[in-house]
C-alpha cells in the first residue's frame, strides 16, 4: 500500500472522537436504564425504550469505528432525535443538542470523512 492510499484510509480524528462519545453514551445510558428495569412493569416502563435508544448509540459508535456509512447516518438521526426530545424540555438542552447535532453532522460529512467512509465501502 502506498503512502497516499494509507493516509486516505486513516480514520479522521473527529470520527474517532464522535465514535468514542457514542460508545460511552450508549454504554452508560443502556446500563443505567436496564438497571432501573423491573420485569413486572415492562409494558409501562419507558426506561426500556430509553435502553434501546442507548443501544442504538452503542451500535453507531461501534460501526463508526468500522467505517460503516450507515452508522454515520444513524449517529446523526440519533442526535437529531434528541434535539426533538429537547424541544419538550428546557431551552438550554435544546440549544446544547442542536449545537451537538450540527457539529456531528459537519464532522461526519466533511470531504475527509466522506473519503474515509467511501473507501471502506
PDB file of N, CA and C in Angstrom:
ATOM      1  N   UNK A   1       0.851  -1.167   0.000  1.00  0.00           N
ATOM      2  CA  UNK A   1       0.000   0.000   0.000  1.00  0.00           C
ATOM      3  C   UNK A   1       0.901   1.235   0.000  1.00  0.00           C
ATOM      4  N   UNK A   2       0.659   2.151  -0.944  1.00  0.00           N
ATOM      5  CA  UNK A   2       1.488   3.344  -0.994  1.00  0.00           C
ATOM      6  C   UNK A   2       1.037   4.349   0.067  1.00  0.00           C
ATOM      7  N   UNK A   3       1.860   5.362   0.282  1.00  0.00           N
ATOM      8  CA  UNK A   3       1.623   6.336   1.346  1.00  0.00           C
ATOM      9  C   UNK A   3       0.306   7.081   1.155  1.00  0.00           C
ATOM     10  N   UNK A   4      -0.033   7.444  -0.076  1.00  0.00           N
ATOM     11  CA  UNK A   4      -1.269   8.189  -0.341  1.00  0.00           C
ATOM     12  C   UNK A   4      -2.514   7.408   0.025  1.00  0.00           C
ATOM     13  N   UNK A   5      -2.592   6.134  -0.344  1.00  0.00           N
ATOM     14  CA  UNK A   5      -3.793   5.349  -0.019  1.00  0.00           C
ATOM     15  C   UNK A   5      -3.833   4.996   1.468  1.00  0.00           C
ATOM     16  N   UNK A   6      -2.671   4.874   2.111  1.00  0.00           N
ATOM     17  CA  UNK A   6      -2.644   4.613   3.542  1.00  0.00           C
ATOM     18  C   UNK A   6      -3.232   5.801   4.298  1.00  0.00           C
ATOM     19  N   UNK A   7      -2.875   7.012   3.894  1.00  0.00           N
ATOM     20  CA  UNK A   7      -3.400   8.209   4.541  1.00  0.00           C
ATOM     21  C   UNK A   7      -4.897   8.333   4.296  1.00  0.00           C
ATOM     22  N   UNK A   8      -5.348   8.023   3.086  1.00  0.00           N
ATOM     23  CA  UNK A   8      -6.773   8.097   2.776  1.00  0.00           C
ATOM     24  C   UNK A   8      -7.595   7.145   3.636  1.00  0.00           C
ATOM     25  N   UNK A   9      -7.036   6.012   4.001  1.00  0.00           N
ATOM     26  CA  UNK A   9      -7.775   5.023   4.766  1.00  0.00           C
ATOM     27  C   UNK A   9      -7.710   5.248   6.271  1.00  0.00           C
ATOM     28  N   UNK A  10      -6.955   6.235   6.715  1.00  0.00           N
ATOM     29  CA  UNK A  10      -6.899   6.521   8.145  1.00  0.00           C
ATOM     30  C   UNK A  10      -8.188   7.212   8.572  1.00  0.00           C
ATOM     31  N   UNK A  11      -8.648   6.842   9.740  1.00  0.00           N
ATOM     32  CA  UNK A  11      -9.880   7.424  10.281  1.00  0.00           C
ATOM     33  C   UNK A  11      -9.598   8.856  10.722  1.00  0.00           C
ATOM     34  N   UNK A  12     -10.435   9.807  10.306  1.00  0.00           N
ATOM     35  CA  UNK A  12     -10.260  11.184  10.784  1.00  0.00           C
ATOM     36  C   UNK A  12     -10.427  11.247  12.306  1.00  0.00           C
ATOM     37  N   UNK A  13      -9.675  12.119  12.940  1.00  0.00           N
ATOM     38  CA  UNK A  13      -9.721  12.247  14.392  1.00  0.00           C
ATOM     39  C   UNK A  13     -11.136  12.585  14.865  1.00  0.00           C
ATOM     40  N   UNK A  14     -11.829  13.446  14.126  1.00  0.00           N
ATOM     41  CA  UNK A  14     -13.188  13.827  14.520  1.00  0.00           C
ATOM     42  C   UNK A  14     -14.113  12.609  14.534  1.00  0.00           C
ATOM     43  N   UNK A  15     -13.964  11.706  13.576  1.00  0.00           N
ATOM     44  CA  UNK A  15     -14.790  10.493  13.543  1.00  0.00           C
ATOM     45  C   UNK A  15     -14.458   9.618  14.742  1.00  0.00           C
ATOM     46  N   UNK A  16     -13.189   9.523  15.091  1.00  0.00           N
ATOM     47  CA  UNK A  16     -12.779   8.739  16.257  1.00  0.00           C
ATOM     48  C   UNK A  16     -13.385   9.308  17.536  1.00  0.00           C
ATOM     49  N   UNK A  17     -13.318  10.624  17.697  1.00  0.00           N
ATOM     50  CA  UNK A  17     -13.865  11.267  18.897  1.00  0.00           C
ATOM     51  C   UNK A  17     -15.377  11.056  18.978  1.00  0.00           C
ATOM     52  N   UNK A  18     -16.076  11.249  17.868  1.00  0.00           N
ATOM     53  CA  UNK A  18     -17.530  11.072  17.850  1.00  0.00           C
ATOM     54  C   UNK A  18     -17.890   9.617  18.135  1.00  0.00           C
ATOM     55  N   UNK A  19     -17.154   8.689  17.545  1.00  0.00           N
ATOM     56  CA  UNK A  19     -17.417   7.269  17.806  1.00  0.00           C
ATOM     57  C   UNK A  19     -17.231   6.957  19.292  1.00  0.00           C
ATOM     58  N   UNK A  20     -16.188   7.495  19.898  1.00  0.00           N
ATOM     59  CA  UNK A  20     -15.961   7.280  21.337  1.00  0.00           C
ATOM     60  C   UNK A  20     -17.094   7.868  22.170  1.00  0.00           C
ATOM     61  N   UNK A  21     -17.555   9.060  21.804  1.00  0.00           N
ATOM     62  CA  UNK A  21     -18.672   9.671  22.526  1.00  0.00           C
ATOM     63  C   UNK A  21     -19.931   8.807  22.437  1.00  0.00           C
ATOM     64  N   UNK A  22     -20.183   8.248  21.264  1.00  0.00           N
ATOM     65  CA  UNK A  22     -21.349   7.374  21.100  1.00  0.00           C
ATOM     66  C   UNK A  22     -21.188   6.079  21.889  1.00  0.00           C
ATOM     67  N   UNK A  23     -19.988   5.526  21.892  1.00  0.00           N
ATOM     68  CA  UNK A  23     -19.754   4.306  22.677  1.00  0.00           C
ATOM     69  C   UNK A  23     -19.991   4.549  24.162  1.00  0.00           C
ATOM     70  N   UNK A  24     -19.437   5.616  24.672  1.00  0.00           N
ATOM     71  CA  UNK A  24     -19.572   5.925  26.095  1.00  0.00           C
ATOM     72  C   UNK A  24     -21.032   6.234  26.440  1.00  0.00           C
ATOM     73  N   UNK A  25     -21.649   7.100  25.636  1.00  0.00           N
ATOM     74  CA  UNK A  25     -23.040   7.472  25.883  1.00  0.00           C
ATOM     75  C   UNK A  25     -23.951   6.258  25.809  1.00  0.00           C
ATOM     76  N   UNK A  26     -23.761   5.438  24.788  1.00  0.00           N
ATOM     77  CA  UNK A  26     -24.593   4.256  24.620  1.00  0.00           C
ATOM     78  C   UNK A  26     -24.424   3.259  25.748  1.00  0.00           C
ATOM     79  N   UNK A  27     -23.190   3.023  26.157  1.00  0.00           N
ATOM     80  CA  UNK A  27     -22.932   2.053  27.225  1.00  0.00           C
ATOM     81  C   UNK A  27     -23.499   2.536  28.557  1.00  0.00           C
ATOM     82  N   UNK A  28     -23.250   3.789  28.901  1.00  0.00           N
ATOM     83  CA  UNK A  28     -23.728   4.330  30.171  1.00  0.00           C
ATOM     84  C   UNK A  28     -25.256   4.400  30.185  1.00  0.00           C
ATOM     85  N   UNK A  29     -25.834   4.894  29.109  1.00  0.00           N
ATOM     86  CA  UNK A  29     -27.284   5.020  29.029  1.00  0.00           C
ATOM     87  C   UNK A  29     -27.973   3.659  29.117  1.00  0.00           C
ATOM     88  N   UNK A  30     -27.478   2.701  28.360  1.00  0.00           N
ATOM     89  CA  UNK A  30     -28.077   1.365  28.370  1.00  0.00           C
ATOM     90  C   UNK A  30     -27.949   0.725  29.749  1.00  0.00           C
ATOM     91  N   UNK A  31     -26.786   0.801  30.329  1.00  0.00           N
ATOM     92  CA  UNK A  31     -26.581   0.208  31.658  1.00  0.00           C
ATOM     93  C   UNK A  31     -27.477   0.863  32.695  1.00  0.00           C
ATOM     94  N   UNK A  32     -27.562   2.175  32.663  1.00  0.00           N
ATOM     95  CA  UNK A  32     -28.396   2.880  33.634  1.00  0.00           C
ATOM     96  C   UNK A  32     -29.863   2.478  33.494  1.00  0.00           C
ATOM     97  N   UNK A  33     -30.373   2.537  32.284  1.00  0.00           N
ATOM     98  CA  UNK A  33     -31.803   2.262  32.086  1.00  0.00           C
ATOM     99  C   UNK A  33     -32.147   0.795  32.334  1.00  0.00           C
ATOM    100  N   UNK A  34     -31.240  -0.094  31.998  1.00  0.00           N
ATOM    101  CA  UNK A  34     -31.507  -1.507  32.287  1.00  0.00           C
ATOM    102  C   UNK A  34     -31.442  -1.788  33.787  1.00  0.00           C
ATOM    103  N   UNK A  35     -30.620  -1.046  34.511  1.00  0.00           N
ATOM    104  CA  UNK A  35     -30.553  -1.248  35.960  1.00  0.00           C
ATOM    105  C   UNK A  35     -31.839  -0.790  36.644  1.00  0.00           C
ATOM    106  N   UNK A  36     -32.575   0.095  36.013  1.00  0.00           N
ATOM    107  CA  UNK A  36     -33.837   0.596  36.554  1.00  0.00           C
ATOM    108  C   UNK A  36     -35.039  -0.259  36.134  1.00  0.00           C
ATOM    109  N   UNK A  37     -34.793  -1.224  35.258  1.00  0.00           N
ATOM    110  CA  UNK A  37     -35.868  -2.040  34.683  1.00  0.00           C
ATOM    111  C   UNK A  37     -36.421  -3.037  35.694  1.00  0.00           C
ATOM    112  N   UNK A  38     -37.745  -3.158  35.720  1.00  0.00           N
ATOM    113  CA  UNK A  38     -38.429  -4.148  36.547  1.00  0.00           C
ATOM    114  C   UNK A  38     -39.356  -4.946  35.637  1.00  0.00           C
ATOM    115  N   UNK A  39     -39.152  -6.254  35.564  1.00  0.00           N
ATOM    116  CA  UNK A  39     -39.882  -7.105  34.619  1.00  0.00           C
ATOM    117  C   UNK A  39     -41.392  -7.014  34.798  1.00  0.00           C
ATOM    118  N   UNK A  40     -41.873  -6.901  36.030  1.00  0.00           N
ATOM    119  CA  UNK A  40     -43.314  -6.877  36.243  1.00  0.00           C
ATOM    120  C   UNK A  40     -43.969  -5.597  35.729  1.00  0.00           C
ATOM    121  N   UNK A  41     -43.163  -4.573  35.448  1.00  0.00           N
ATOM    122  CA  UNK A  41     -43.690  -3.314  34.912  1.00  0.00           C
ATOM    123  C   UNK A  41     -43.176  -3.061  33.505  1.00  0.00           C
ATOM    124  N   UNK A  42     -42.861  -4.110  32.772  1.00  0.00           N
ATOM    125  CA  UNK A  42     -42.195  -3.980  31.474  1.00  0.00           C
ATOM    126  C   UNK A  42     -42.981  -3.141  30.479  1.00  0.00           C
ATOM    127  N   UNK A  43     -44.280  -3.319  30.412  1.00  0.00           N
ATOM    128  CA  UNK A  43     -45.065  -2.592  29.416  1.00  0.00           C
ATOM    129  C   UNK A  43     -45.261  -1.129  29.786  1.00  0.00           C
ATOM    130  N   UNK A  44     -45.181  -0.811  31.053  1.00  0.00           N
ATOM    131  CA  UNK A  44     -45.390   0.566  31.497  1.00  0.00           C
ATOM    132  C   UNK A  44     -44.069   1.300  31.720  1.00  0.00           C
ATOM    133  N   UNK A  45     -42.987   0.700  31.342  1.00  0.00           N
ATOM    134  CA  UNK A  45     -41.684   1.267  31.672  1.00  0.00           C
ATOM    135  C   UNK A  45     -41.030   1.898  30.447  1.00  0.00           C
ATOM    136  N   UNK A  46     -40.964   3.220  30.443  1.00  0.00           N
ATOM    137  CA  UNK A  46     -40.334   3.946  29.341  1.00  0.00           C
ATOM    138  C   UNK A  46     -38.828   3.755  29.319  1.00  0.00           C
ATOM    139  N   UNK A  47     -38.277   3.344  30.439  1.00  0.00           N
ATOM    140  CA  UNK A  47     -36.834   3.125  30.523  1.00  0.00           C
ATOM    141  C   UNK A  47     -36.352   2.040  29.586  1.00  0.00           C
ATOM    142  N   UNK A  48     -37.230   1.081  29.281  1.00  0.00           N
ATOM    143  CA  UNK A  48     -36.857   0.033  28.325  1.00  0.00           C
ATOM    144  C   UNK A  48     -36.625   0.643  26.944  1.00  0.00           C
ATOM    145  N   UNK A  49     -37.493   1.568  26.572  1.00  0.00           N
ATOM    146  CA  UNK A  49     -37.301   2.262  25.289  1.00  0.00           C
ATOM    147  C   UNK A  49     -36.031   3.099  25.326  1.00  0.00           C
ATOM    148  N   UNK A  50     -35.780   3.732  26.449  1.00  0.00           N
ATOM    149  CA  UNK A  50     -34.557   4.533  26.598  1.00  0.00           C
ATOM    150  C   UNK A  50     -33.319   3.646  26.490  1.00  0.00           C
ATOM    151  N   UNK A  51     -33.387   2.432  27.045  1.00  0.00           N
ATOM    152  CA  UNK A  51     -32.261   1.495  26.935  1.00  0.00           C
ATOM    153  C   UNK A  51     -32.043   1.095  25.484  1.00  0.00           C
ATOM    154  N   UNK A  52     -33.124   0.911  24.745  1.00  0.00           N
ATOM    155  CA  UNK A  52     -32.990   0.565  23.321  1.00  0.00           C
ATOM    156  C   UNK A  52     -32.372   1.718  22.532  1.00  0.00           C
ATOM    157  N   UNK A  53     -32.732   2.941  22.881  1.00  0.00           N
ATOM    158  CA  UNK A  53     -32.123   4.109  22.230  1.00  0.00           C
ATOM    159  C   UNK A  53     -30.632   4.163  22.571  1.00  0.00           C
ATOM    160  N   UNK A  54     -30.286   3.815  23.810  1.00  0.00           N
ATOM    161  CA  UNK A  54     -28.880   3.738  24.197  1.00  0.00           C
ATOM    162  C   UNK A  54     -28.131   2.684  23.396  1.00  0.00           C
ATOM    163  N   UNK A  55     -28.790   1.560  23.154  1.00  0.00           N
ATOM    164  CA  UNK A  55     -28.169   0.510  22.334  1.00  0.00           C
ATOM    165  C   UNK A  55     -27.912   0.993  20.912  1.00  0.00           C
ATOM    166  N   UNK A  56     -28.800   1.831  20.397  1.00  0.00           N
ATOM    167  CA  UNK A  56     -28.576   2.397  19.058  1.00  0.00           C
ATOM    168  C   UNK A  56     -27.339   3.282  19.040  1.00  0.00           C
ATOM    169  N   UNK A  57     -27.124   4.037  20.113  1.00  0.00           N
ATOM    170  CA  UNK A  57     -25.913   4.865  20.204  1.00  0.00           C
ATOM    171  C   UNK A  57     -24.674   3.979  20.245  1.00  0.00           C
ATOM    172  N   UNK A  58     -24.758   2.906  21.010  1.00  0.00           N
ATOM    173  CA  UNK A  58     -23.641   1.965  21.101  1.00  0.00           C
ATOM    174  C   UNK A  58     -23.351   1.345  19.728  1.00  0.00           C
ATOM    175  N   UNK A  59     -24.384   0.965  19.043  1.00  0.00           N
ATOM    176  CA  UNK A  59     -24.252   0.385  17.698  1.00  0.00           C
ATOM    177  C   UNK A  59     -23.613   1.389  16.737  1.00  0.00           C
ATOM    178  N   UNK A  60     -24.070   2.635  16.797  1.00  0.00           N
ATOM    179  CA  UNK A  60     -23.493   3.672  15.935  1.00  0.00           C
ATOM    180  C   UNK A  60     -22.004   3.854  16.227  1.00  0.00           C
ATOM    181  N   UNK A  61     -21.640   3.883  17.503  1.00  0.00           N
ATOM    182  CA  UNK A  61     -20.236   4.055  17.871  1.00  0.00           C
ATOM    183  C   UNK A  61     -19.361   2.936  17.371  1.00  0.00           C
ATOM    184  N   UNK A  62     -19.803   1.705  17.538  1.00  0.00           N
ATOM    185  CA  UNK A  62     -19.018   0.550  17.083  1.00  0.00           C
ATOM    186  C   UNK A  62     -18.811   0.606  15.578  1.00  0.00           C
ATOM    187  N   UNK A  63     -19.878   0.875  14.852  1.00  0.00           N
ATOM    188  CA  UNK A  63     -19.773   0.829  13.396  1.00  0.00           C
ATOM    189  C   UNK A  63     -19.186   2.097  12.788  1.00  0.00           C
ATOM    190  N   UNK A  64     -19.139   3.188  13.540  1.00  0.00           N
ATOM    191  CA  UNK A  64     -18.372   4.340  13.069  1.00  0.00           C
ATOM    192  C   UNK A  64     -16.891   3.969  13.035  1.00  0.00           C
ATOM    193  N   UNK A  65     -16.437   3.220  14.046  1.00  0.00           N
ATOM    194  CA  UNK A  65     -15.053   2.743  14.050  1.00  0.00           C
ATOM    195  C   UNK A  65     -14.785   1.814  12.872  1.00  0.00           C
ATOM    196  N   UNK A  66     -15.786   1.079  12.459  1.00  0.00           N
ATOM    197  CA  UNK A  66     -15.620   0.120  11.363  1.00  0.00           C
ATOM    198  C   UNK A  66     -15.888   0.745   9.997  1.00  0.00           C
ATOM    199  N   UNK A  67     -16.094   2.069   9.959  1.00  0.00           N
ATOM    200  CA  UNK A  67     -16.282   2.844   8.735  1.00  0.00           C
ATOM    201  C   UNK A  67     -17.533   2.448   7.968  1.00  0.00           C
ATOM    202  N   UNK A  68     -18.574   2.049   8.674  1.00  0.00           N
ATOM    203  CA  UNK A  68     -19.847   1.739   8.015  1.00  0.00           C
ATOM    204  C   UNK A  68     -20.565   3.048   7.710  1.00  0.00           C
ATOM    205  N   UNK A  69     -20.869   3.266   6.454  1.00  0.00           N
ATOM    206  CA  UNK A  69     -21.504   4.511   6.035  1.00  0.00           C
ATOM    207  C   UNK A  69     -22.854   4.715   6.732  1.00  0.00           C
ATOM    208  N   UNK A  70     -23.620   3.647   6.896  1.00  0.00           N
ATOM    209  CA  UNK A  70     -24.937   3.767   7.528  1.00  0.00           C
ATOM    210  C   UNK A  70     -24.817   4.219   8.986  1.00  0.00           C
ATOM    211  N   UNK A  71     -23.680   3.935   9.622  1.00  0.00           N
ATOM    212  CA  UNK A  71     -23.509   4.287  11.028  1.00  0.00           C
ATOM    213  C   UNK A  71     -23.443   5.800  11.222  1.00  0.00           C
ATOM    214  N   UNK A  72     -22.882   6.506  10.263  1.00  0.00           N
ATOM    215  CA  UNK A  72     -22.844   7.960  10.435  1.00  0.00           C
ATOM    216  C   UNK A  72     -24.229   8.560  10.273  1.00  0.00           C
ATOM    217  N   UNK A  73     -25.050   7.950   9.412  1.00  0.00           N
ATOM    218  CA  UNK A  73     -26.438   8.386   9.296  1.00  0.00           C
ATOM    219  C   UNK A  73     -27.202   8.083  10.582  1.00  0.00           C
ATOM    220  N   UNK A  74     -26.984   6.896  11.137  1.00  0.00           N
ATOM    221  CA  UNK A  74     -27.619   6.541  12.404  1.00  0.00           C
ATOM    222  C   UNK A  74     -27.200   7.514  13.498  1.00  0.00           C
ATOM    223  N   UNK A  75     -25.932   7.868  13.531  1.00  0.00           N
ATOM    224  CA  UNK A  75     -25.429   8.794  14.545  1.00  0.00           C
ATOM    225  C   UNK A  75     -26.115  10.157  14.442  1.00  0.00           C
ATOM    226  N   UNK A  76     -26.286  10.654  13.240  1.00  0.00           N
ATOM    227  CA  UNK A  76     -26.925  11.963  13.060  1.00  0.00           C
ATOM    228  C   UNK A  76     -28.421  11.873  13.370  1.00  0.00           C
ATOM    229  N   UNK A  77     -29.075  10.801  12.949  1.00  0.00           N
ATOM    230  CA  UNK A  77     -30.504  10.626  13.266  1.00  0.00           C
ATOM    231  C   UNK A  77     -30.687  10.506  14.777  1.00  0.00           C
ATOM    232  N   UNK A  78     -29.773   9.792  15.431  1.00  0.00           N
ATOM    233  CA  UNK A  78     -29.861   9.604  16.882  1.00  0.00           C
ATOM    234  C   UNK A  78     -29.803  10.949  17.607  1.00  0.00           C
ATOM    235  N   UNK A  79     -28.849  11.789  17.238  1.00  0.00           N
ATOM    236  CA  UNK A  79     -28.732  13.079  17.918  1.00  0.00           C
ATOM    237  C   UNK A  79     -29.864  14.015  17.492  1.00  0.00           C
ATOM    238  N   UNK A  80     -30.344  13.912  16.261  1.00  0.00           N
ATOM    239  CA  UNK A  80     -31.489  14.722  15.821  1.00  0.00           C
ATOM    240  C   UNK A  80     -32.744  14.346  16.631  1.00  0.00           C
ATOM    241  N   UNK A  81     -32.900  13.067  16.932  1.00  0.00           N
ATOM    242  CA  UNK A  81     -33.994  12.607  17.783  1.00  0.00           C
ATOM    243  C   UNK A  81     -33.913  13.285  19.149  1.00  0.00           C
ATOM    244  N   UNK A  82     -32.703  13.439  19.657  1.00  0.00           N
ATOM    245  CA  UNK A  82     -32.529  14.099  20.950  1.00  0.00           C
ATOM    246  C   UNK A  82     -32.800  15.600  20.863  1.00  0.00           C
ATOM    247  N   UNK A  83     -32.569  16.189  19.709  1.00  0.00           N
ATOM    248  CA  UNK A  83     -32.934  17.599  19.523  1.00  0.00           C
ATOM    249  C   UNK A  83     -34.456  17.732  19.646  1.00  0.00           C
ATOM    250  N   UNK A  84     -35.184  16.816  19.013  1.00  0.00           N
ATOM    251  CA  UNK A  84     -36.651  16.849  19.086  1.00  0.00           C
ATOM    252  C   UNK A  84     -37.117  16.651  20.527  1.00  0.00           C
ATOM    253  N   UNK A  85     -36.527  15.674  21.217  1.00  0.00           N
ATOM    254  CA  UNK A  85     -36.895  15.460  22.623  1.00  0.00           C
ATOM    255  C   UNK A  85     -36.588  16.689  23.473  1.00  0.00           C
ATOM    256  N   UNK A  86     -35.488  17.356  23.179  1.00  0.00           N
ATOM    257  CA  UNK A  86     -35.081  18.532  23.952  1.00  0.00           C
ATOM    258  C   UNK A  86     -36.058  19.683  23.800  1.00  0.00           C
ATOM    259  N   UNK A  87     -36.772  19.711  22.687  1.00  0.00           N
ATOM    260  CA  UNK A  87     -37.755  20.776  22.480  1.00  0.00           C
ATOM    261  C   UNK A  87     -38.855  20.720  23.529  1.00  0.00           C
ATOM    262  N   UNK A  88     -39.054  19.543  24.132  1.00  0.00           N
ATOM    263  CA  UNK A  88     -40.065  19.380  25.172  1.00  0.00           C
ATOM    264  C   UNK A  88     -39.496  19.569  26.575  1.00  0.00           C
ATOM    265  N   UNK A  89     -38.218  19.888  26.656  1.00  0.00           N
ATOM    266  CA  UNK A  89     -37.572  20.104  27.947  1.00  0.00           C
ATOM    267  C   UNK A  89     -37.118  21.555  28.032  1.00  0.00           C
ATOM    268  N   UNK A  90     -35.973  21.790  28.568  1.00  0.00           N
ATOM    269  CA  UNK A  90     -35.510  23.169  28.758  1.00  0.00           C
ATOM    270  C   UNK A  90     -34.848  23.720  27.498  1.00  0.00           C
ATOM    271  N   UNK A  91     -34.853  25.038  27.413  1.00  0.00           N
ATOM    272  CA  UNK A  91     -34.220  25.710  26.286  1.00  0.00           C
ATOM    273  C   UNK A  91     -32.715  25.425  26.212  1.00  0.00           C
ATOM    274  N   UNK A  92     -31.993  25.432  27.341  1.00  0.00           N
ATOM    275  CA  UNK A  92     -30.560  25.101  27.265  1.00  0.00           C
ATOM    276  C   UNK A  92     -30.298  23.694  26.711  1.00  0.00           C
ATOM    277  N   UNK A  93     -31.150  22.724  27.050  1.00  0.00           N
ATOM    278  CA  UNK A  93     -30.994  21.374  26.481  1.00  0.00           C
ATOM    279  C   UNK A  93     -31.193  21.405  24.977  1.00  0.00           C
ATOM    280  N   UNK A  94     -32.184  22.157  24.522  1.00  0.00           N
ATOM    281  CA  UNK A  94     -32.444  22.271  23.091  1.00  0.00           C
ATOM    282  C   UNK A  94     -31.251  22.880  22.373  1.00  0.00           C
ATOM    283  N   UNK A  95     -30.696  23.938  22.938  1.00  0.00           N
ATOM    284  CA  UNK A  95     -29.531  24.589  22.331  1.00  0.00           C
ATOM    285  C   UNK A  95     -28.338  23.637  22.299  1.00  0.00           C
ATOM    286  N   UNK A  96     -28.073  22.968  23.425  1.00  0.00           N
ATOM    287  CA  UNK A  96     -26.942  22.049  23.507  1.00  0.00           C
ATOM    288  C   UNK A  96     -27.060  20.922  22.477  1.00  0.00           C
ATOM    289  N   UNK A  97     -28.214  20.262  22.430  1.00  0.00           N
ATOM    290  CA  UNK A  97     -28.387  19.154  21.490  1.00  0.00           C
ATOM    291  C   UNK A  97     -28.375  19.635  20.041  1.00  0.00           C
ATOM    292  N   UNK A  98     -28.892  20.829  19.795  1.00  0.00           N
ATOM    293  CA  UNK A  98     -28.867  21.385  18.434  1.00  0.00           C
ATOM    294  C   UNK A  98     -27.439  21.647  17.975  1.00  0.00           C
ATOM    295  N   UNK A  99     -26.644  22.241  18.858  1.00  0.00           N
ATOM    296  CA  UNK A  99     -25.243  22.509  18.513  1.00  0.00           C
ATOM    297  C   UNK A  99     -24.464  21.203  18.327  1.00  0.00           C
ATOM    298  N   UNK A 100     -24.730  20.233  19.178  1.00  0.00           N
ATOM    299  CA  UNK A 100     -24.077  18.933  19.057  1.00  0.00           C
ATOM    300  C   UNK A 100     -24.461  18.257  17.742  1.00  0.00           C
ATOM    301  N   UNK A 101     -25.727  18.334  17.389  1.00  0.00           N
ATOM    302  CA  UNK A 101     -26.199  17.749  16.131  1.00  0.00           C
ATOM    303  C   UNK A 101     -25.509  18.414  14.935  1.00  0.00           C
ATOM    304  N   UNK A 102     -25.439  19.724  14.955  1.00  0.00           N
ATOM    305  CA  UNK A 102     -24.786  20.445  13.862  1.00  0.00           C
ATOM    306  C   UNK A 102     -23.306  20.085  13.764  1.00  0.00           C
ATOM    307  N   UNK A 103     -22.636  19.997  14.903  1.00  0.00           N
ATOM    308  CA  UNK A 103     -21.206  19.653  14.909  1.00  0.00           C
ATOM    309  C   UNK A 103     -20.992  18.223  14.407  1.00  0.00           C
ATOM    310  N   UNK A 104     -21.799  17.282  14.888  1.00  0.00           N
ATOM    311  CA  UNK A 104     -21.654  15.892  14.451  1.00  0.00           C
ATOM    312  C   UNK A 104     -21.902  15.770  12.955  1.00  0.00           C
ATOM    313  N   UNK A 105     -22.957  16.412  12.470  1.00  0.00           N
ATOM    314  CA  UNK A 105     -23.256  16.350  11.033  1.00  0.00           C
ATOM    315  C   UNK A 105     -22.109  16.962  10.227  1.00  0.00           C
ATOM    316  N   UNK A 106     -21.590  18.076  10.696  1.00  0.00           N
ATOM    317  CA  UNK A 106     -20.487  18.725   9.996  1.00  0.00           C
ATOM    318  C   UNK A 106     -19.272  17.795   9.906  1.00  0.00           C
ATOM    319  N   UNK A 107     -18.867  17.239  11.041  1.00  0.00           N
ATOM    320  CA  UNK A 107     -17.659  16.418  11.048  1.00  0.00           C
ATOM    321  C   UNK A 107     -17.847  15.045  10.393  1.00  0.00           C
ATOM    322  N   UNK A 108     -19.038  14.508  10.442  1.00  0.00           N
ATOM    323  CA  UNK A 108     -19.263  13.183   9.841  1.00  0.00           C
ATOM    324  C   UNK A 108     -19.480  13.242   8.329  1.00  0.00           C
ATOM    325  N   UNK A 109     -19.743  14.445   7.796  1.00  0.00           N
ATOM    326  CA  UNK A 109     -19.994  14.555   6.360  1.00  0.00           C
ATOM    327  C   UNK A 109     -19.045  15.518   5.657  1.00  0.00           C
ATOM    328  N   UNK A 110     -17.933  15.836   6.300  1.00  0.00           N
ATOM    329  CA  UNK A 110     -16.893  16.623   5.644  1.00  0.00           C
ATOM    330  C   UNK A 110     -16.256  15.791   4.537  1.00  0.00           C
ATOM    331  N   UNK A 111     -15.595  16.420   3.575  1.00  0.00           N
ATOM    332  CA  UNK A 111     -14.959  15.655   2.494  1.00  0.00           C
ATOM    333  C   UNK A 111     -14.001  14.576   2.995  1.00  0.00           C
ATOM    334  N   UNK A 112     -13.228  14.874   4.031  1.00  0.00           N
ATOM    335  CA  UNK A 112     -12.279  13.877   4.552  1.00  0.00           C
ATOM    336  C   UNK A 112     -13.017  12.668   5.131  1.00  0.00           C
ATOM    337  N   UNK A 113     -14.113  12.907   5.824  1.00  0.00           N
ATOM    338  CA  UNK A 113     -14.916  11.812   6.370  1.00  0.00           C
ATOM    339  C   UNK A 113     -15.583  11.035   5.227  1.00  0.00           C
ATOM    340  N   UNK A 114     -16.044  11.759   4.203  1.00  0.00           N
ATOM    341  CA  UNK A 114     -16.636  11.080   3.041  1.00  0.00           C
ATOM    342  C   UNK A 114     -15.634  10.128   2.406  1.00  0.00           C
ATOM    343  N   UNK A 115     -14.392  10.576   2.267  1.00  0.00           N
ATOM    344  CA  UNK A 115     -13.350   9.711   1.701  1.00  0.00           C
ATOM    345  C   UNK A 115     -13.151   8.470   2.564  1.00  0.00           C
ATOM    346  N   UNK A 116     -13.118   8.656   3.867  1.00  0.00           N
ATOM    347  CA  UNK A 116     -12.914   7.548   4.788  1.00  0.00           C
ATOM    348  C   UNK A 116     -14.044   6.524   4.687  1.00  0.00           C
ATOM    349  N   UNK A 117     -15.284   6.986   4.731  1.00  0.00           N
ATOM    350  CA  UNK A 117     -16.413   6.067   4.690  1.00  0.00           C
ATOM    351  C   UNK A 117     -16.584   5.433   3.310  1.00  0.00           C
ATOM    352  N   UNK A 118     -16.308   6.189   2.260  1.00  0.00           N
ATOM    353  CA  UNK A 118     -16.439   5.640   0.907  1.00  0.00           C
ATOM    354  C   UNK A 118     -15.320   4.661   0.574  1.00  0.00           C
ATOM    355  N   UNK A 119     -14.126   4.888   1.118  1.00  0.00           N
ATOM    356  CA  UNK A 119     -13.002   3.972   0.874  1.00  0.00           C
ATOM    357  C   UNK A 119     -13.269   2.620   1.518  1.00  0.00           C
ATOM    358  N   UNK A 120     -13.963   2.624   2.635  1.00  0.00           N
ATOM    359  CA  UNK A 120     -14.260   1.376   3.337  1.00  0.00           C
ATOM    360  C   UNK A 120     -15.335   0.580   2.606  1.00  0.00           C
ATOM    361  N   UNK A 121     -16.209   1.284   1.898  1.00  0.00           N
ATOM    362  CA  UNK A 121     -17.320   0.607   1.211  1.00  0.00           C
ATOM    363  C   UNK A 121     -16.862  -0.001  -0.072  1.00  0.00           C
TER     364      UNK A 121
END
